N, C-alpha and C. Protein backbone atom coordinates (compact mmCIF):
# COMPACT_ATOMS: atom_id res chain seq x y z
N MET A 1 17.44 -42.23 1.46
CA MET A 1 16.53 -40.99 1.07
C MET A 1 16.95 -39.87 2.03
N ASN A 2 16.91 -40.20 3.34
CA ASN A 2 17.18 -38.98 4.24
C ASN A 2 18.53 -38.20 3.64
N ARG A 3 19.42 -38.93 3.22
CA ARG A 3 20.93 -38.34 2.81
C ARG A 3 20.58 -37.41 1.67
N MET A 4 19.45 -37.84 0.78
CA MET A 4 19.28 -36.94 -0.48
C MET A 4 18.70 -35.77 0.12
N LEU A 5 17.73 -35.69 0.80
CA LEU A 5 17.16 -34.64 1.46
C LEU A 5 17.82 -33.76 1.97
N GLY A 6 18.73 -34.17 2.90
CA GLY A 6 19.75 -33.49 3.36
C GLY A 6 20.81 -32.59 2.52
N LYS A 7 20.93 -33.30 1.49
CA LYS A 7 21.98 -32.51 0.47
C LYS A 7 21.03 -31.38 -0.34
N ARG A 8 19.74 -32.03 -0.71
CA ARG A 8 18.85 -30.99 -1.33
C ARG A 8 18.58 -29.66 -0.39
N GLY A 9 18.16 -29.84 0.98
CA GLY A 9 18.07 -28.73 1.91
C GLY A 9 19.26 -27.89 1.96
N ALA A 10 20.46 -28.48 2.02
CA ALA A 10 21.65 -27.70 2.06
C ALA A 10 21.82 -26.86 0.85
N TRP A 11 21.55 -27.65 -0.29
CA TRP A 11 21.70 -26.88 -1.66
C TRP A 11 20.48 -25.63 -1.49
N LEU A 12 19.43 -25.92 -1.32
CA LEU A 12 18.28 -24.80 -1.24
C LEU A 12 18.79 -23.57 -0.35
N SER A 13 19.31 -24.14 0.79
CA SER A 13 19.76 -22.86 1.70
C SER A 13 20.89 -22.25 0.98
N ALA A 14 21.82 -22.92 0.80
CA ALA A 14 22.92 -22.01 -0.11
C ALA A 14 22.51 -21.26 -1.18
N ALA A 15 21.54 -21.80 -2.03
CA ALA A 15 21.08 -20.77 -3.11
C ALA A 15 20.21 -19.82 -2.70
N ALA A 16 19.47 -19.79 -1.43
CA ALA A 16 18.60 -18.75 -1.04
C ALA A 16 19.51 -17.63 -0.55
N ALA A 17 20.68 -18.07 0.32
CA ALA A 17 21.48 -17.07 0.78
C ALA A 17 22.42 -16.52 -0.38
N LEU A 18 22.54 -17.02 -1.41
CA LEU A 18 23.27 -16.43 -2.60
C LEU A 18 22.31 -15.48 -3.29
N ILE A 19 21.17 -15.76 -3.44
CA ILE A 19 20.06 -15.00 -3.93
C ILE A 19 20.04 -13.73 -3.11
N GLY A 20 19.89 -13.69 -1.82
CA GLY A 20 19.76 -12.54 -0.90
C GLY A 20 21.12 -11.91 -0.96
N ALA A 21 22.06 -12.39 -1.13
CA ALA A 21 23.37 -11.69 -1.12
C ALA A 21 23.40 -10.84 -2.25
N LEU A 22 22.97 -11.47 -3.57
CA LEU A 22 23.07 -10.87 -4.66
C LEU A 22 22.08 -9.42 -4.84
N LEU A 23 20.68 -9.73 -4.38
CA LEU A 23 19.84 -8.77 -4.27
C LEU A 23 20.29 -7.51 -3.45
N ALA A 24 20.92 -8.03 -2.32
CA ALA A 24 21.49 -6.78 -1.33
C ALA A 24 22.39 -5.98 -2.13
N VAL A 25 23.39 -6.64 -2.86
CA VAL A 25 24.52 -6.04 -3.49
C VAL A 25 23.99 -5.13 -4.48
N THR A 26 23.03 -5.61 -5.28
CA THR A 26 22.41 -4.69 -6.49
C THR A 26 21.41 -3.82 -6.01
N GLY A 27 21.08 -3.80 -4.66
CA GLY A 27 20.21 -2.64 -4.12
C GLY A 27 18.75 -3.11 -4.28
N ALA A 28 18.47 -4.30 -4.97
CA ALA A 28 17.08 -4.72 -5.29
C ALA A 28 16.47 -5.16 -3.78
N PHE A 29 17.32 -5.46 -2.89
CA PHE A 29 16.49 -5.84 -1.50
C PHE A 29 17.53 -5.08 -0.47
N ASP A 30 16.62 -4.60 0.34
CA ASP A 30 17.33 -3.92 1.78
C ASP A 30 16.65 -4.40 2.76
N PRO A 31 17.22 -5.23 3.53
CA PRO A 31 16.58 -5.97 4.75
C PRO A 31 16.41 -4.74 5.92
N THR A 32 17.00 -3.78 5.93
CA THR A 32 16.95 -2.88 6.97
C THR A 32 15.45 -2.25 7.13
N PRO A 33 14.88 -2.30 8.27
CA PRO A 33 13.52 -1.79 8.54
C PRO A 33 13.71 -0.16 8.26
N ARG A 34 12.51 0.34 7.81
CA ARG A 34 12.60 1.73 7.36
C ARG A 34 11.26 2.26 7.98
N GLU A 35 11.31 3.62 8.30
CA GLU A 35 10.21 4.36 8.71
C GLU A 35 9.44 4.52 7.49
N SER A 36 8.26 5.34 7.52
CA SER A 36 7.69 5.73 6.32
C SER A 36 8.41 6.27 5.27
N PRO A 37 8.09 6.05 3.93
CA PRO A 37 8.76 6.66 2.95
C PRO A 37 8.47 8.25 2.84
N PRO A 38 9.37 8.82 2.31
CA PRO A 38 9.11 10.43 2.20
C PRO A 38 7.90 10.40 1.40
N VAL A 39 7.19 11.77 1.83
CA VAL A 39 5.95 11.84 0.94
C VAL A 39 6.31 12.64 -0.33
N ARG A 40 5.79 12.08 -1.34
CA ARG A 40 6.17 12.59 -2.76
C ARG A 40 5.03 12.98 -3.27
N ALA A 41 4.93 13.68 -4.26
CA ALA A 41 3.83 14.26 -5.22
C ALA A 41 3.29 12.85 -5.80
N PRO A 42 1.97 12.78 -5.94
CA PRO A 42 1.31 11.81 -6.50
C PRO A 42 1.75 11.36 -7.83
N GLY A 43 2.02 10.17 -8.12
CA GLY A 43 2.56 9.69 -9.53
C GLY A 43 3.95 9.60 -9.69
N THR A 44 4.82 10.05 -8.52
CA THR A 44 6.26 10.12 -8.70
C THR A 44 6.75 8.68 -8.46
N SER A 45 7.74 8.22 -8.75
CA SER A 45 8.40 6.97 -8.43
C SER A 45 9.17 6.94 -7.00
N ASN A 46 8.62 6.18 -6.30
CA ASN A 46 9.45 5.79 -5.02
C ASN A 46 8.96 4.44 -4.75
N GLY A 47 9.09 3.53 -5.67
CA GLY A 47 8.68 2.11 -5.43
C GLY A 47 7.16 2.03 -5.64
N ALA A 48 6.54 3.00 -6.05
CA ALA A 48 4.88 2.87 -6.24
C ALA A 48 4.66 3.40 -7.56
N ASP A 49 3.56 2.93 -8.00
CA ASP A 49 3.08 3.13 -9.34
C ASP A 49 2.02 4.15 -9.11
N THR A 50 1.37 4.71 -10.37
CA THR A 50 0.04 5.53 -10.02
C THR A 50 -1.02 4.67 -9.97
N ILE A 51 -2.00 5.30 -9.30
CA ILE A 51 -3.26 4.22 -8.98
C ILE A 51 -3.80 4.20 -10.46
N GLU A 52 -3.85 5.12 -11.26
CA GLU A 52 -4.47 4.90 -12.62
C GLU A 52 -4.05 3.81 -13.40
N ARG A 53 -2.74 3.66 -13.29
CA ARG A 53 -1.96 2.77 -13.93
C ARG A 53 -2.39 1.36 -13.45
N ALA A 54 -2.40 1.22 -12.21
CA ALA A 54 -3.01 -0.08 -11.46
C ALA A 54 -4.32 -0.57 -11.79
N VAL A 55 -5.16 0.67 -11.93
CA VAL A 55 -6.48 0.39 -12.22
C VAL A 55 -6.56 -0.26 -13.68
N ALA A 56 -5.95 0.24 -14.47
CA ALA A 56 -6.12 -0.09 -16.04
C ALA A 56 -5.32 -1.36 -16.09
N GLN A 57 -4.46 -1.83 -15.19
CA GLN A 57 -3.67 -3.10 -15.27
C GLN A 57 -4.41 -4.22 -14.47
N ARG A 58 -5.70 -3.68 -13.64
CA ARG A 58 -6.33 -4.52 -12.93
C ARG A 58 -5.35 -5.25 -11.81
N ALA A 59 -4.52 -4.53 -11.39
CA ALA A 59 -3.35 -4.85 -10.52
C ALA A 59 -3.89 -5.57 -9.25
N ARG A 60 -3.20 -6.42 -8.56
CA ARG A 60 -3.37 -6.71 -7.25
C ARG A 60 -2.13 -6.67 -6.41
N ASN A 61 -2.25 -6.43 -5.14
CA ASN A 61 -0.97 -5.99 -4.39
C ASN A 61 -0.10 -5.11 -4.83
N ALA A 62 -0.61 -3.95 -5.36
CA ALA A 62 0.22 -3.14 -6.07
C ALA A 62 0.35 -1.88 -5.17
N GLN A 63 1.61 -1.56 -4.90
CA GLN A 63 2.01 -0.43 -4.05
C GLN A 63 1.82 1.00 -5.03
N VAL A 64 0.69 1.85 -4.62
CA VAL A 64 0.30 3.02 -5.55
C VAL A 64 0.38 4.30 -4.71
N ARG A 65 0.20 5.36 -5.49
CA ARG A 65 0.25 6.74 -4.96
C ARG A 65 -0.81 7.30 -5.86
N GLY A 66 -1.56 8.29 -5.46
CA GLY A 66 -2.38 9.03 -6.24
C GLY A 66 -3.09 10.10 -5.53
N SER A 67 -4.21 10.67 -6.05
CA SER A 67 -5.00 11.51 -5.47
C SER A 67 -6.25 11.63 -6.12
N GLY A 68 -7.27 12.31 -5.51
CA GLY A 68 -8.54 12.43 -5.83
C GLY A 68 -9.46 13.25 -5.27
N GLU A 69 -10.70 13.23 -5.56
CA GLU A 69 -11.78 13.96 -4.78
C GLU A 69 -12.69 12.96 -4.03
N VAL A 70 -12.94 13.25 -2.86
CA VAL A 70 -13.76 12.37 -2.00
C VAL A 70 -15.20 12.50 -2.72
N GLU A 71 -15.71 11.40 -3.11
CA GLU A 71 -17.18 11.33 -3.80
C GLU A 71 -18.12 10.84 -2.89
N ARG A 72 -17.75 9.96 -1.87
CA ARG A 72 -18.80 9.58 -0.89
C ARG A 72 -18.18 9.10 0.22
N ILE A 73 -18.81 9.38 1.41
CA ILE A 73 -18.10 8.73 2.57
C ILE A 73 -19.14 7.76 3.02
N LEU A 74 -18.57 6.60 3.48
CA LEU A 74 -19.45 5.43 3.90
C LEU A 74 -19.43 5.26 5.43
N ALA A 75 -20.04 4.35 6.02
CA ALA A 75 -19.96 3.91 7.44
C ALA A 75 -18.75 3.20 7.76
N ASP A 76 -17.97 3.42 8.74
CA ASP A 76 -16.94 2.67 9.32
C ASP A 76 -17.30 1.28 9.02
N ASP A 77 -16.19 0.50 8.72
CA ASP A 77 -16.20 -1.06 8.93
C ASP A 77 -15.73 -1.36 10.18
N ARG A 78 -16.69 -1.88 11.02
CA ARG A 78 -16.23 -2.39 12.45
C ARG A 78 -15.95 -3.93 12.60
N ASP A 79 -16.33 -4.67 11.48
CA ASP A 79 -16.01 -6.00 11.62
C ASP A 79 -14.48 -6.24 11.56
N GLY A 80 -13.86 -6.81 12.61
CA GLY A 80 -12.33 -6.92 12.93
C GLY A 80 -11.86 -5.86 12.91
N SER A 81 -10.77 -5.42 12.35
CA SER A 81 -9.99 -4.16 12.58
C SER A 81 -10.82 -2.96 11.98
N ARG A 82 -11.02 -2.05 12.70
CA ARG A 82 -11.85 -0.91 12.19
C ARG A 82 -11.40 -0.10 11.03
N HIS A 83 -12.08 0.16 10.00
CA HIS A 83 -11.67 1.06 9.02
C HIS A 83 -12.59 2.06 8.71
N GLN A 84 -11.97 3.16 8.54
CA GLN A 84 -12.81 4.32 7.86
C GLN A 84 -12.78 4.27 6.48
N ARG A 85 -13.94 4.47 5.78
CA ARG A 85 -14.24 4.11 4.57
C ARG A 85 -14.84 5.27 3.73
N PHE A 86 -14.26 5.54 2.54
CA PHE A 86 -14.79 6.65 1.56
C PHE A 86 -14.33 6.22 0.26
N ILE A 87 -15.02 6.84 -0.87
CA ILE A 87 -14.88 6.64 -2.14
C ILE A 87 -14.31 7.76 -2.78
N VAL A 88 -13.24 7.57 -3.54
CA VAL A 88 -12.39 8.67 -4.11
C VAL A 88 -12.59 8.62 -5.56
N ARG A 89 -12.99 9.79 -6.23
CA ARG A 89 -12.90 9.79 -7.67
C ARG A 89 -11.56 10.28 -8.12
N LEU A 90 -10.89 9.32 -9.19
CA LEU A 90 -9.64 9.62 -9.61
C LEU A 90 -9.86 10.73 -10.74
N ASP A 91 -8.63 11.16 -11.08
CA ASP A 91 -8.68 12.24 -12.30
C ASP A 91 -8.89 11.44 -13.52
N SER A 92 -8.70 10.10 -13.63
CA SER A 92 -8.95 9.31 -14.71
C SER A 92 -10.36 9.07 -15.02
N GLY A 93 -11.34 9.50 -13.81
CA GLY A 93 -12.63 9.28 -13.85
C GLY A 93 -13.40 8.08 -13.01
N GLY A 94 -12.46 7.19 -12.90
CA GLY A 94 -12.65 5.98 -12.07
C GLY A 94 -12.71 6.23 -10.70
N THR A 95 -13.34 5.34 -9.93
CA THR A 95 -13.29 5.44 -8.46
C THR A 95 -12.50 4.21 -7.79
N VAL A 96 -12.18 4.58 -6.43
CA VAL A 96 -11.47 3.55 -5.73
C VAL A 96 -12.11 3.73 -4.28
N LEU A 97 -12.42 2.56 -3.60
CA LEU A 97 -12.64 2.57 -2.06
C LEU A 97 -11.58 2.78 -1.28
N VAL A 98 -11.34 3.73 -0.53
CA VAL A 98 -10.23 3.74 0.48
C VAL A 98 -10.70 3.01 1.83
N ALA A 99 -10.02 2.20 2.33
CA ALA A 99 -10.25 1.31 3.55
C ALA A 99 -9.13 1.79 4.39
N HIS A 100 -9.06 2.89 5.32
CA HIS A 100 -8.19 3.25 6.19
C HIS A 100 -8.22 2.74 7.78
N ASN A 101 -7.17 1.77 7.95
CA ASN A 101 -7.31 1.22 9.38
C ASN A 101 -7.33 2.03 10.41
N ILE A 102 -8.24 2.52 11.24
CA ILE A 102 -8.36 3.44 12.38
C ILE A 102 -7.86 2.90 13.49
N ASP A 103 -7.44 1.50 13.49
CA ASP A 103 -7.03 0.87 14.83
C ASP A 103 -5.38 1.06 14.79
N LEU A 104 -4.81 1.35 13.53
CA LEU A 104 -3.36 1.56 13.37
C LEU A 104 -2.96 2.88 13.10
N ALA A 105 -4.08 3.88 12.57
CA ALA A 105 -3.67 5.20 12.25
C ALA A 105 -4.86 6.11 12.73
N PRO A 106 -4.60 7.40 12.83
CA PRO A 106 -5.57 8.27 13.29
C PRO A 106 -6.57 8.42 12.13
N ARG A 107 -7.98 8.62 12.50
CA ARG A 107 -8.93 8.87 11.47
C ARG A 107 -8.74 10.24 11.03
N VAL A 108 -8.95 10.00 9.55
CA VAL A 108 -8.87 11.41 8.65
C VAL A 108 -10.05 12.37 9.20
N GLU A 109 -9.44 13.60 9.87
CA GLU A 109 -10.49 14.42 10.27
C GLU A 109 -11.07 15.38 9.44
N SER A 110 -12.39 15.73 9.64
CA SER A 110 -13.12 16.83 8.93
C SER A 110 -13.21 16.42 7.46
N LEU A 111 -13.36 15.13 7.17
CA LEU A 111 -13.40 14.79 5.70
C LEU A 111 -14.76 14.81 5.09
N ASP A 112 -14.94 15.55 4.06
CA ASP A 112 -16.21 15.90 3.43
C ASP A 112 -16.21 15.54 1.95
N VAL A 113 -17.41 15.43 1.43
CA VAL A 113 -17.49 15.14 0.13
C VAL A 113 -16.98 16.21 -0.74
N GLY A 114 -16.26 16.25 -1.73
CA GLY A 114 -15.59 17.34 -2.47
C GLY A 114 -14.12 17.70 -2.07
N ASP A 115 -13.71 17.26 -0.95
CA ASP A 115 -12.29 17.30 -0.53
C ASP A 115 -11.35 16.47 -1.47
N THR A 116 -10.29 17.03 -1.42
CA THR A 116 -9.13 16.41 -2.22
C THR A 116 -8.04 15.82 -1.24
N VAL A 117 -7.99 14.41 -1.53
CA VAL A 117 -6.95 13.58 -0.95
C VAL A 117 -5.78 12.93 -1.71
N SER A 118 -4.55 13.09 -1.10
CA SER A 118 -3.73 12.34 -1.74
C SER A 118 -3.28 11.02 -0.82
N PHE A 119 -2.73 10.05 -1.45
CA PHE A 119 -2.51 8.84 -0.69
C PHE A 119 -1.41 7.93 -1.30
N ALA A 120 -1.10 6.94 -0.47
CA ALA A 120 -0.12 5.85 -0.86
C ALA A 120 -0.73 4.54 -0.02
N GLY A 121 -0.75 3.35 -0.71
CA GLY A 121 -1.07 2.21 -0.09
C GLY A 121 -1.10 1.16 -1.05
N GLU A 122 -1.62 0.04 -0.53
CA GLU A 122 -1.88 -1.17 -1.53
C GLU A 122 -3.33 -1.20 -2.18
N TYR A 123 -2.90 -1.41 -3.64
CA TYR A 123 -4.33 -1.33 -4.39
C TYR A 123 -4.62 -2.81 -4.71
N GLU A 124 -5.92 -3.24 -4.65
CA GLU A 124 -6.38 -4.44 -5.16
C GLU A 124 -7.66 -4.21 -6.00
N TRP A 125 -7.52 -4.68 -7.28
CA TRP A 125 -8.36 -4.49 -8.28
C TRP A 125 -9.70 -5.50 -7.87
N ASN A 126 -11.00 -4.84 -8.25
CA ASN A 126 -12.17 -5.38 -8.32
C ASN A 126 -13.11 -4.82 -9.20
N GLU A 127 -14.25 -5.52 -9.61
CA GLU A 127 -15.14 -5.25 -10.58
C GLU A 127 -15.74 -3.70 -10.42
N ARG A 128 -15.72 -3.29 -9.03
CA ARG A 128 -16.22 -1.93 -8.93
C ARG A 128 -15.10 -0.68 -8.79
N GLY A 129 -14.03 -1.04 -9.19
CA GLY A 129 -12.93 0.05 -9.21
C GLY A 129 -11.67 -0.49 -8.39
N GLY A 130 -12.04 -1.29 -7.30
CA GLY A 130 -10.94 -1.75 -6.50
C GLY A 130 -11.02 -0.84 -5.12
N VAL A 131 -9.92 -1.41 -4.39
CA VAL A 131 -9.94 -0.94 -2.86
C VAL A 131 -8.44 -0.44 -2.48
N LEU A 132 -8.23 0.53 -1.84
CA LEU A 132 -6.98 0.99 -1.52
C LEU A 132 -6.90 0.70 -0.04
N HIS A 133 -5.90 -0.10 0.41
CA HIS A 133 -5.65 -0.49 1.84
C HIS A 133 -4.12 -0.01 2.28
N TRP A 134 -3.89 -0.45 3.42
CA TRP A 134 -2.31 -0.36 3.92
C TRP A 134 -1.91 1.12 3.82
N THR A 135 -2.99 2.06 4.10
CA THR A 135 -2.85 3.42 4.11
C THR A 135 -2.20 3.91 5.55
N HIS A 136 -1.28 3.24 6.22
CA HIS A 136 -0.74 3.50 7.45
C HIS A 136 0.48 2.62 7.55
N ARG A 137 1.21 2.87 8.60
CA ARG A 137 2.46 2.09 8.95
C ARG A 137 2.02 0.79 9.35
N ASP A 138 3.16 -0.12 9.19
CA ASP A 138 2.84 -1.51 9.50
C ASP A 138 3.74 -1.83 10.78
N PRO A 139 2.86 -1.98 11.95
CA PRO A 139 3.63 -2.04 13.08
C PRO A 139 4.64 -3.20 13.34
N ARG A 140 4.60 -4.11 12.44
CA ARG A 140 5.67 -5.16 12.44
C ARG A 140 6.79 -4.76 11.45
N GLY A 141 6.53 -3.67 10.74
CA GLY A 141 7.71 -3.36 9.79
C GLY A 141 8.18 -4.01 8.59
N SER A 142 6.99 -4.91 8.35
CA SER A 142 7.26 -5.92 7.04
C SER A 142 6.59 -5.64 5.81
N HIS A 143 5.90 -4.52 5.86
CA HIS A 143 5.02 -3.98 4.78
C HIS A 143 5.25 -2.75 4.39
N ALA A 144 5.25 -2.38 3.12
CA ALA A 144 5.43 -0.90 2.85
C ALA A 144 4.42 0.16 3.39
N ALA A 145 4.74 1.17 4.01
CA ALA A 145 3.96 2.08 4.82
C ALA A 145 3.21 2.93 3.74
N GLY A 146 1.93 3.20 4.15
CA GLY A 146 1.12 4.22 3.26
C GLY A 146 0.89 5.34 4.10
N TYR A 147 -0.04 6.37 3.65
CA TYR A 147 -0.44 7.49 4.16
C TYR A 147 -1.73 8.03 3.43
N ILE A 148 -2.49 8.98 4.22
CA ILE A 148 -3.43 9.67 3.33
C ILE A 148 -3.07 11.20 3.91
N GLU A 149 -3.18 12.09 2.96
CA GLU A 149 -3.02 13.59 3.23
C GLU A 149 -4.20 14.18 2.97
N HIS A 150 -4.56 15.11 3.92
CA HIS A 150 -5.87 15.77 3.88
C HIS A 150 -5.58 17.17 4.53
N GLU A 151 -5.95 18.24 3.74
CA GLU A 151 -5.86 19.69 4.21
C GLU A 151 -4.50 19.78 5.09
N GLY A 152 -3.51 19.41 4.37
CA GLY A 152 -2.28 19.80 4.98
C GLY A 152 -1.60 18.80 6.07
N ARG A 153 -2.50 17.87 6.45
CA ARG A 153 -2.18 16.79 7.32
C ARG A 153 -1.90 15.38 6.85
N THR A 154 -0.93 14.66 7.25
CA THR A 154 -0.55 13.28 6.94
C THR A 154 -1.15 12.38 7.97
N TYR A 155 -1.94 11.53 7.50
CA TYR A 155 -2.27 10.31 8.45
C TYR A 155 -1.86 9.11 8.17
N ARG A 156 -0.96 8.50 9.15
CA ARG A 156 -0.25 7.10 8.73
C ARG A 156 -0.19 6.46 10.03
């Protein structure tokens, strides 16, 4: 039995190495740590989809970009990591809760109802329209970086 597990483990290790090599060669996987991706116009492709599409598909763990108008500013979430929270009305008419981690990124200054914000982050669908988080850099470098743009300044 131990001999069989040893062979299986060696086979799985070799298969994983081959898959990693194939992904690296095809460009589907690049293990090199990166700084934040360049800021692009909402809805353009940079490994992220539009938030409107993610909402329509009820996506989870979806890297998205978008923009909208601040509809409501909520109290900070102070339970665990602190998050600045506000609701954004999307061009599609739907809303999304933005949960911006202010322990890892600066607070979005002078944010008011009616302001326009652009963003990139990870979208999680829920019955209320969903939540956008990871709007900052990952200090460990293992998650795609996000941002919020407001009045010409980028917060990440």
